[in-house]
Protein backbone atom coordinates (compact mmCIF):
# COMPACT_ATOMS: atom_id res chain seq x y z
CA MET A 1 47.24 156.81 159.01
CA GLY A 2 45.10 153.93 159.91
CA PHE A 3 45.28 152.70 156.35
CA ALA A 4 48.74 152.87 156.38
CA ARG A 5 49.25 150.88 159.52
CA GLY A 6 46.81 148.18 157.70
CA CYS A 7 48.70 147.94 154.74
CA PHE A 8 52.12 147.72 156.61
CA ARG A 9 50.81 144.94 159.07
CA GLY A 10 49.79 143.17 155.72
CA CYS A 11 53.22 143.12 154.50
CA SER A 12 55.50 143.27 157.56
CA GLY A 13 54.68 139.50 158.42
CA SER A 14 58.29 138.48 157.19
CA LEU A 15 61.82 139.18 158.18
CA VAL A 16 62.73 140.58 154.77
CA SER A 17 59.85 143.35 154.70
CA ARG A 18 61.14 144.68 158.05
CA LEU A 19 64.38 145.06 156.88
CA MET A 20 63.19 146.68 153.23
CA LEU A 21 61.26 149.18 155.30
CA LEU A 22 64.17 149.99 157.58
CA ASN A 23 66.29 150.14 154.59
CA PHE A 24 63.56 152.58 153.11
CA ALA A 25 63.79 154.70 156.08
CA ALA A 26 67.34 155.00 155.92
CA LEU A 27 67.49 155.73 152.05
CA VAL A 28 65.32 158.64 152.43
CA PHE A 29 67.29 159.85 155.43
CA MET A 30 70.62 159.45 153.51
CA SER A 31 68.97 161.32 150.43
CA THR A 32 68.20 164.57 152.71
CA ILE A 33 71.83 164.72 153.71
CA PHE A 34 73.36 164.29 150.26
CA LEU A 35 70.76 166.53 148.81
CA LEU A 36 72.55 168.98 150.81
CA ASN A 37 75.97 168.10 150.42
CA PRO A 38 76.89 169.80 147.12
CA ILE A 39 74.73 172.96 147.99
CA LEU A 40 75.11 173.65 151.79
CA PRO A 41 79.00 175.05 151.00
CA ILE A 42 77.76 177.26 147.97
CA TYR A 43 74.48 178.51 150.26
CA LEU A 44 76.78 179.24 152.99
CA TYR A 45 79.33 181.08 151.10
CA ARG A 46 77.05 183.14 148.68
CA ASP A 47 73.70 183.49 150.75
CA LEU A 48 74.95 183.83 154.37
CA GLY A 49 78.12 185.59 153.28
CA ALA A 50 80.93 182.92 154.69
CA SER A 51 84.48 183.00 153.77
CA GLU A 52 86.11 180.06 152.27
CA GLN A 53 87.89 179.24 155.66
CA GLU A 54 84.54 179.68 157.35
CA VAL A 55 83.01 177.26 154.91
CA GLY A 56 85.78 174.59 155.95
CA LEU A 57 85.25 175.04 159.79
CA ILE A 58 81.10 175.41 159.71
CA ILE A 59 80.23 172.60 157.39
CA PRO A 60 82.33 169.89 159.54
CA LEU A 61 80.71 170.91 162.82
CA THR A 62 78.44 168.14 162.20
CA PHE A 63 80.78 165.64 162.41
CA LEU A 64 82.70 167.21 165.29
CA VAL A 65 79.66 167.08 167.35
CA SER A 66 79.03 163.58 166.05
CA ALA A 67 82.29 162.43 166.84
CA PHE A 68 82.07 163.49 170.61
CA LEU A 69 78.63 162.11 171.28
CA ARG A 70 78.56 158.82 169.27
CA ILE A 71 80.50 156.74 171.47
CA PRO A 72 79.10 158.28 174.98
CA CYS A 73 75.48 158.21 173.50
CA SER A 74 75.99 154.39 172.45
CA MET A 75 77.04 153.29 175.80
CA LEU A 76 73.96 154.64 177.22
CA ILE A 77 71.73 152.61 174.77
CA ARG A 78 70.20 149.56 175.90
CA ARG A 79 66.72 149.52 175.18
CA ASN A 80 64.25 151.22 173.14
CA ILE A 81 66.47 151.34 170.02
CA LEU A 82 63.66 152.66 167.60
CA GLN A 83 62.64 155.13 169.74
CA ILE A 84 66.23 156.81 169.90
CA LEU A 85 65.98 156.28 166.12
CA LEU A 86 63.11 158.43 166.08
CA PHE A 87 64.61 160.95 168.09
CA GLY A 88 67.63 161.30 165.61
CA LEU A 89 65.22 161.59 162.76
CA GLY A 90 63.16 164.11 163.98
CA LEU A 91 66.58 166.09 165.05
CA ASN A 92 67.46 165.58 161.26
CA ALA A 93 64.39 167.26 159.87
CA ALA A 94 64.29 170.27 162.44
CA SER A 95 68.07 170.94 161.78
CA ILE A 96 67.64 171.15 157.89
CA ALA A 97 64.41 173.37 158.43
CA GLY A 98 66.98 175.61 160.63
CA TYR A 99 69.25 175.76 157.77
CA GLY A 100 66.50 177.17 155.61
CA LEU A 101 65.68 179.69 158.48
CA SER A 102 69.42 180.85 159.06
CA TRP A 103 70.01 184.31 158.65
CA ASN A 104 74.05 184.48 159.00
CA PRO A 105 76.78 182.01 159.39
CA SER A 106 76.50 182.18 163.13
CA SER A 107 72.90 181.10 163.14
CA PHE A 108 73.67 178.11 160.40
CA SER A 109 76.41 176.70 162.93
CA ILE A 110 74.02 176.16 165.54
CA PHE A 111 71.76 173.93 163.40
CA ARG A 112 74.93 172.26 161.75
CA ALA A 113 75.75 171.55 165.32
CA ILE A 114 72.17 170.13 166.04
CA HIS A 115 72.34 168.03 162.76
CA GLY A 116 75.58 166.34 164.45
CA ILE A 117 73.54 164.94 167.37
CA SER A 118 71.19 163.75 164.59
CA THR A 119 73.78 161.77 162.64
CA ALA A 120 75.44 160.81 165.92
CA VAL A 121 72.34 158.67 166.94
CA SER A 122 70.75 157.72 163.81
CA LEU A 123 73.50 155.87 161.59
CA VAL A 124 74.65 153.65 164.56
CA VAL A 125 71.01 152.72 165.36
CA PHE A 126 69.88 152.09 161.85
CA LEU A 127 73.11 149.70 161.03
CA THR A 128 72.85 147.95 164.56
CA ALA A 129 68.82 147.43 163.84
CA VAL A 130 69.72 146.08 160.52
CA GLU A 131 72.17 143.74 161.96
CA PHE A 132 69.77 142.63 164.75
CA LEU A 133 66.95 141.93 162.41
CA ALA A 134 69.11 139.91 159.79
CA ASN A 135 69.30 136.02 160.01
CA PRO A 136 72.76 135.27 161.54
CA GLY A 137 73.82 133.54 158.17
CA GLU A 138 73.12 136.45 156.15
CA LEU A 139 74.55 139.15 158.03
CA GLU A 140 76.89 140.24 155.53
CA LYS A 141 74.14 140.39 152.89
CA ALA A 142 71.92 142.55 154.98
CA VAL A 143 74.99 144.81 155.64
CA ALA A 144 75.60 144.98 151.83
CA GLY A 145 72.35 145.49 151.18
CA TYR A 146 71.72 148.35 153.97
CA THR A 147 74.67 150.22 152.48
CA ALA A 148 73.29 149.79 148.92
CA SER A 149 70.39 151.67 150.16
CA LEU A 150 72.34 154.45 151.56
CA ALA A 151 74.24 154.82 148.36
CA LEU A 152 70.96 154.90 146.56
CA GLY A 153 70.45 157.90 148.45
CA PHE A 154 73.98 159.31 147.57
CA TRP A 155 72.46 160.27 144.19
CA LEU A 156 68.79 160.20 144.54
CA GLY A 157 69.09 163.22 146.97
CA PRO A 158 71.17 165.26 144.53
CA LEU A 159 68.53 164.33 141.65
CA ILE A 160 65.72 165.59 143.97
CA GLY A 161 68.01 168.53 144.59
CA VAL A 162 68.24 169.34 140.87
CA PHE A 163 64.57 169.30 140.55
CA LEU A 164 63.87 171.45 143.51
CA ARG A 165 66.72 173.78 142.52
CA GLY A 166 64.98 174.52 139.06
CA LEU A 167 61.87 175.45 140.65
CA THR A 168 63.11 177.80 143.60
CA GLU A 169 65.67 179.22 145.37
CA LEU A 170 68.33 177.62 147.73
CA ARG A 171 66.52 178.63 150.92
CA ILE A 172 63.07 177.04 150.02
CA VAL A 173 64.91 173.99 148.76
CA LEU A 174 66.23 173.31 152.33
CA LEU A 175 62.57 173.86 153.87
CA ALA A 176 61.21 171.27 151.16
CA THR A 177 64.09 169.06 152.24
CA ALA A 178 62.78 169.09 155.96
CA LEU A 179 59.65 167.89 154.71
CA ILE A 180 60.88 164.95 153.07
CA ALA A 181 63.12 164.32 156.07
CA ALA A 182 59.84 163.71 158.00
CA ILE A 183 59.12 160.54 155.85
CA PRO A 184 61.46 158.23 157.84
CA VAL A 185 59.94 159.36 161.07
CA VAL A 186 56.65 158.06 159.87
CA VAL A 187 58.29 154.90 158.57
CA VAL A 188 59.74 153.92 161.87
CA ILE A 189 56.65 154.70 164.03
CA LEU A 190 54.87 152.13 161.82
CA LEU A 191 57.91 149.64 162.11
CA LEU A 192 57.99 150.04 166.09
CA ARG A 193 54.25 149.43 166.29
CA ASP A 194 54.70 146.11 164.07
CA LEU A 195 57.56 144.98 166.41
CA ARG A 196 55.48 145.79 169.52
CA GLY A 197 52.16 144.04 168.35
CA ALA A 198 54.37 140.70 167.53
CA GLY A 199 56.07 140.82 170.71
CA GLU A 200 59.22 141.34 169.29
CA ALA A 201 60.72 144.53 170.49
CA TRP A 202 63.17 142.42 172.38
CA LYS A 203 65.20 141.87 169.33
CA LEU A 204 66.15 145.21 169.24
CA GLU A 205 67.60 145.41 172.95
CA VAL A 206 71.50 145.38 173.99
CA GLU A 207 73.47 144.61 177.05
CA ARG A 208 75.15 147.26 179.15
CA GLN A 209 77.90 148.88 176.90
CA SER A 210 81.67 148.98 177.99
CA ILE A 211 84.41 150.80 175.49
CA LYS A 212 86.95 148.00 176.54
CA LEU A 213 84.61 145.28 175.24
CA VAL A 214 85.17 146.66 171.58
CA LEU A 215 88.60 148.11 171.79
CA LYS A 216 90.34 145.06 170.00
CA ARG A 217 92.96 145.01 167.28
CA PRO A 218 90.59 144.10 164.49
CA ASN A 219 88.35 146.94 165.34
CA ILE A 220 90.89 149.61 165.66
CA LEU A 221 92.64 148.39 162.47
CA LEU A 222 89.34 148.68 160.66
CA ALA A 223 88.43 152.06 162.11
CA LEU A 224 91.95 153.34 161.13
CA THR A 225 91.30 152.10 157.61
CA TYR A 226 88.04 153.78 157.44
CA LEU A 227 89.37 156.79 159.02
CA SER A 228 91.98 157.15 156.38
CA PHE A 229 89.57 157.14 153.48
CA SER A 230 87.14 159.70 155.59
CA LEU A 231 89.91 162.13 155.95
CA ALA A 232 90.06 162.72 152.04
CA ALA A 233 86.24 162.27 151.44
CA GLY A 234 85.78 164.80 154.19
CA ALA A 235 87.94 167.25 152.17
CA VAL A 236 86.08 166.61 149.02
CA THR A 237 82.82 166.85 150.49
CA ALA A 238 83.43 170.28 152.10
CA TYR A 239 85.66 171.79 149.31
CA GLY A 240 84.71 169.61 145.97
CA PRO A 241 81.57 171.77 145.12
CA LEU A 242 83.30 175.23 146.01
CA LYS A 243 85.92 174.33 143.70
CA ALA A 244 83.46 173.31 140.96
CA LYS A 245 81.63 176.59 141.41
CA LEU A 246 84.71 178.81 141.50
CA PHE A 247 86.86 177.46 139.10
CA PHE A 248 84.64 176.08 136.59
CA ARG A 249 81.95 178.93 137.07
CA LEU A 250 78.92 176.29 137.08
CA GLU A 251 75.45 176.92 137.96
CA ASP A 252 73.94 175.50 141.24
CA GLN A 253 72.20 172.70 139.48
CA LEU A 254 75.12 171.73 137.27
CA VAL A 255 77.65 171.57 140.48
CA ILE A 256 74.95 169.12 141.84
CA LEU A 257 74.45 166.97 138.43
CA LEU A 258 78.56 167.05 138.42
CA PHE A 259 78.71 165.19 141.94
CA LEU A 260 76.19 162.86 140.59
CA SER A 261 79.11 160.85 139.05
CA TYR A 262 80.49 160.37 142.70
CA TYR A 263 77.29 159.35 144.14
CA VAL A 264 76.21 157.29 141.21
CA THR A 265 79.76 155.54 141.33
CA ALA A 266 79.45 154.72 144.87
CA PHE A 267 75.75 153.16 144.32
CA VAL A 268 77.04 150.97 141.49
CA ALA A 269 80.19 149.68 143.49
CA ARG A 270 77.83 148.47 146.45
CA ILE A 271 75.40 146.66 143.94
CA ILE A 272 78.52 144.88 142.41
CA LEU A 273 79.64 144.01 146.03
CA LEU A 274 76.07 142.71 146.68
CA LYS A 275 75.58 141.12 143.91
CA SER A 276 78.61 139.72 142.49
CA PRO A 277 81.05 136.80 143.77
CA LEU A 278 84.08 139.59 143.48
CA SER A 279 84.51 139.59 147.23
CA ALA A 280 85.14 135.64 147.50
CA ARG A 281 87.48 135.70 144.55
CA LEU A 282 89.73 138.93 145.55
CA GLY A 283 89.04 138.74 149.43
CA LEU A 284 87.73 141.72 151.10
CA GLY A 285 91.17 142.98 152.22
CA SER A 286 92.24 142.87 148.76
CA LEU A 287 89.19 144.91 147.76
CA THR A 288 89.68 147.32 150.46
CA ARG A 289 93.19 148.21 149.36
CA ILE A 290 92.03 148.73 145.90
CA ALA A 291 89.51 151.24 146.88
CA LEU A 292 91.87 152.94 149.01
CA ALA A 293 94.18 153.15 145.84
CA SER A 294 91.23 154.59 143.91
CA SER A 295 90.53 157.35 146.31
CA ILE A 296 94.38 158.26 146.11
CA LEU A 297 94.26 158.86 142.49
CA GLY A 298 90.89 160.20 142.70
CA VAL A 299 91.58 162.68 145.11
CA LEU A 300 94.69 163.86 143.47
CA LEU A 301 92.81 164.57 140.34
CA ILE A 302 90.02 166.62 142.02
CA GLY A 303 92.44 168.90 143.43
CA LEU A 304 94.81 169.40 140.28
CA ALA A 305 92.06 169.19 137.72
CA GLU A 306 92.19 172.10 135.38
CA ASP A 307 89.23 170.97 133.23
CA LEU A 308 85.84 169.19 133.72
CA PRO A 309 86.54 165.74 132.40
CA SER A 310 89.56 165.54 134.84
CA PHE A 311 87.48 166.90 137.92
CA SER A 312 84.82 164.05 136.81
CA LEU A 313 87.03 161.17 136.65
CA GLY A 314 88.50 162.11 139.86
CA LEU A 315 84.98 162.12 141.49
CA THR A 316 84.38 158.76 139.98
CA LEU A 317 87.39 157.30 141.32
CA THR A 318 86.78 158.62 144.73
CA GLY A 319 83.17 157.29 144.71
CA PHE A 320 84.17 153.95 143.84
CA ALA A 321 86.21 153.95 146.90
CA HIS A 322 83.30 155.32 149.00
CA GLY A 323 80.95 152.70 147.76
CA LEU A 324 83.19 149.83 148.75
CA VAL A 325 85.26 150.96 151.98
CA PHE A 326 82.18 151.09 154.45
CA PRO A 327 80.62 147.87 153.57
CA LEU A 328 83.74 145.87 153.70
CA THR A 329 84.82 147.29 156.79
CA ALA A 330 81.42 147.49 158.48
CA SER A 331 80.71 143.83 157.64
CA ALA A 332 84.03 142.73 159.18
CA VAL A 333 83.38 144.88 162.41
CA ALA A 334 80.15 143.10 162.74
CA GLN A 335 81.73 139.60 162.60
CA ALA A 336 84.41 140.64 165.06
CA THR A 337 82.02 142.20 167.52
CA PRO A 338 79.23 140.13 169.70
CA ARG A 339 76.00 140.51 169.10
CA LYS A 340 75.00 142.75 171.86
CA GLN A 341 77.96 144.93 171.67
CA ARG A 342 77.41 145.98 168.11
CA VAL A 343 75.70 149.41 168.88
CA LEU A 344 79.07 150.39 170.46
CA GLY A 345 81.25 148.39 167.92
CA ASN A 346 79.36 150.23 165.01
CA SER A 347 79.54 153.57 167.06
CA LEU A 348 83.50 153.42 167.18
CA HIS A 349 83.73 152.24 163.70
CA LEU A 350 81.38 155.32 162.65
CA THR A 351 82.98 157.75 164.83
CA ALA A 352 86.07 157.15 162.62
CA PHE A 353 84.09 158.65 159.71
CA ASP A 354 83.19 161.64 161.71
CA LEU A 355 86.89 162.30 162.71
CA GLY A 356 87.80 161.75 159.08
CA SER A 357 85.20 164.33 157.78
CA LEU A 358 85.91 166.81 160.56
CA LEU A 359 89.76 166.62 160.10
CA GLY A 360 89.88 166.52 156.49
CA SER A 361 87.99 169.77 155.79
CA THR A 362 89.54 171.34 158.84
CA LEU A 363 93.01 170.56 157.28
CA VAL A 364 91.91 172.21 153.90
CA ALA A 365 90.90 175.27 155.82
CA ILE A 366 94.40 175.44 157.25
CA LEU A 367 96.16 174.93 154.17
CA LEU A 368 94.32 177.55 152.53
CA ALA A 369 96.49 180.02 154.60
CA TYR A 370 99.60 178.96 152.82
CA THR A 371 98.21 177.71 149.42
CA GLY A 372 95.45 177.61 146.73
CA LEU A 373 92.29 175.13 146.82
CA SER A 374 93.77 172.97 144.29
CA ASN A 375 96.94 172.27 146.21
CA ALA A 376 95.28 172.01 149.29
CA LEU A 377 92.75 169.32 148.16
CA ALA A 378 95.21 167.26 146.37
CA LEU A 379 97.49 167.19 149.45
CA THR A 380 94.56 164.87 151.31
CA CYS A 381 95.65 162.03 148.79
CA ILE A 382 98.22 161.20 151.48
CA PHE A 383 95.66 159.99 154.05
CA PRO A 384 93.89 157.06 151.92
CA ALA A 385 97.82 156.28 151.15
CA LEU A 386 98.66 156.02 154.84
CA GLY A 387 95.51 153.81 155.30
CA MET A 388 97.29 151.12 153.22
CA VAL A 389 98.92 149.99 156.34
CA PRO A 390 96.07 149.15 158.70
CA ALA A 391 94.05 147.87 155.71
CA SER A 392 97.19 145.27 155.06
CA LEU A 393 97.45 144.66 158.70
CA SER A 394 93.58 143.99 159.07
CA SER A 395 93.60 141.52 155.98
CA ARG A 396 93.45 138.40 158.52
CA TYR A 397 90.12 139.54 159.86
CA ILE A 398 88.34 140.95 156.60
CA ASP A 399 89.75 138.15 154.35
CA ARG A 400 87.29 134.94 155.19
CA LYS A 401 87.46 132.06 153.03
């Protein structure tokens, strides 16, 4: 640990290296989440004996807890942002270990709820810390770089999952993932010590939070836009792997590999956004509407596909939307929200994702009582279609010339 601290101090004298280290911690954190996404529904259904409807109700428990806790927790945050992040990262590792130790759907549900506390805290603090450490003139670039790191975790996690699944059973894969989840804890501890040693911990302090300060027209419209996509994405995350498993009779490793088309496309979309002048030429509002249109077609294909090529194309189109919607809307929220209120502004925005992920998968679970899985999934394309309305209304806030 002493050698690690020395190396860290040697490379952390610049703002860039601190952002890179924070992005690395976020990358590993996101990798653990997306490593689990394709396998948890299968693990819950096959290994723990849950029904299809139970899968749709238990998987979104994380988002239910996060949606209820994210804003109240953010209103209490004023100092010690990185210590709070350590708490969230520690819960992430503990809850993943709990999945591996679960013996039935009920015990799994408890750890799924604990995981919700972790996501409620970790993602909003990660994003806010990146914004605070970034140079004011490079805020959009810093957010794009951070979200690109998250997107790298989208497909790096499943790749690790394929490797681990080739070596052992799902339960052991989950326990190994818990060990990986401890890496960001170490990184953030080192970053915290560096900031304290340089006397710069004040950079991560915020003002007392009031929800009224961020309930403004641009923030609400942007949250509704993100919510519309998240409703469809939540349904795909919870039930897409199950459809691939049941309809196409794929092995666990092939299900994970299949979903790489989703994650890799999201990563590529964010790299394009970071490196190309596309947003300057088309405008962020136009790009957001293009992303929503891509998700409409993608979710429809995922639901109605009767062959693997069509299913894969649907995943790719939806992944493209996932890659663009969050960085575009998050950058606009950062621009519309005063610096010292961004914890709550980001919290409000990320709560839209929690609610969408929760309600999207829950809706499919309800629809399963009346129709098949394919039709239920396809019907969720209605939500990004409805999202075109707030996306169009918010164009004045996210089209910056």
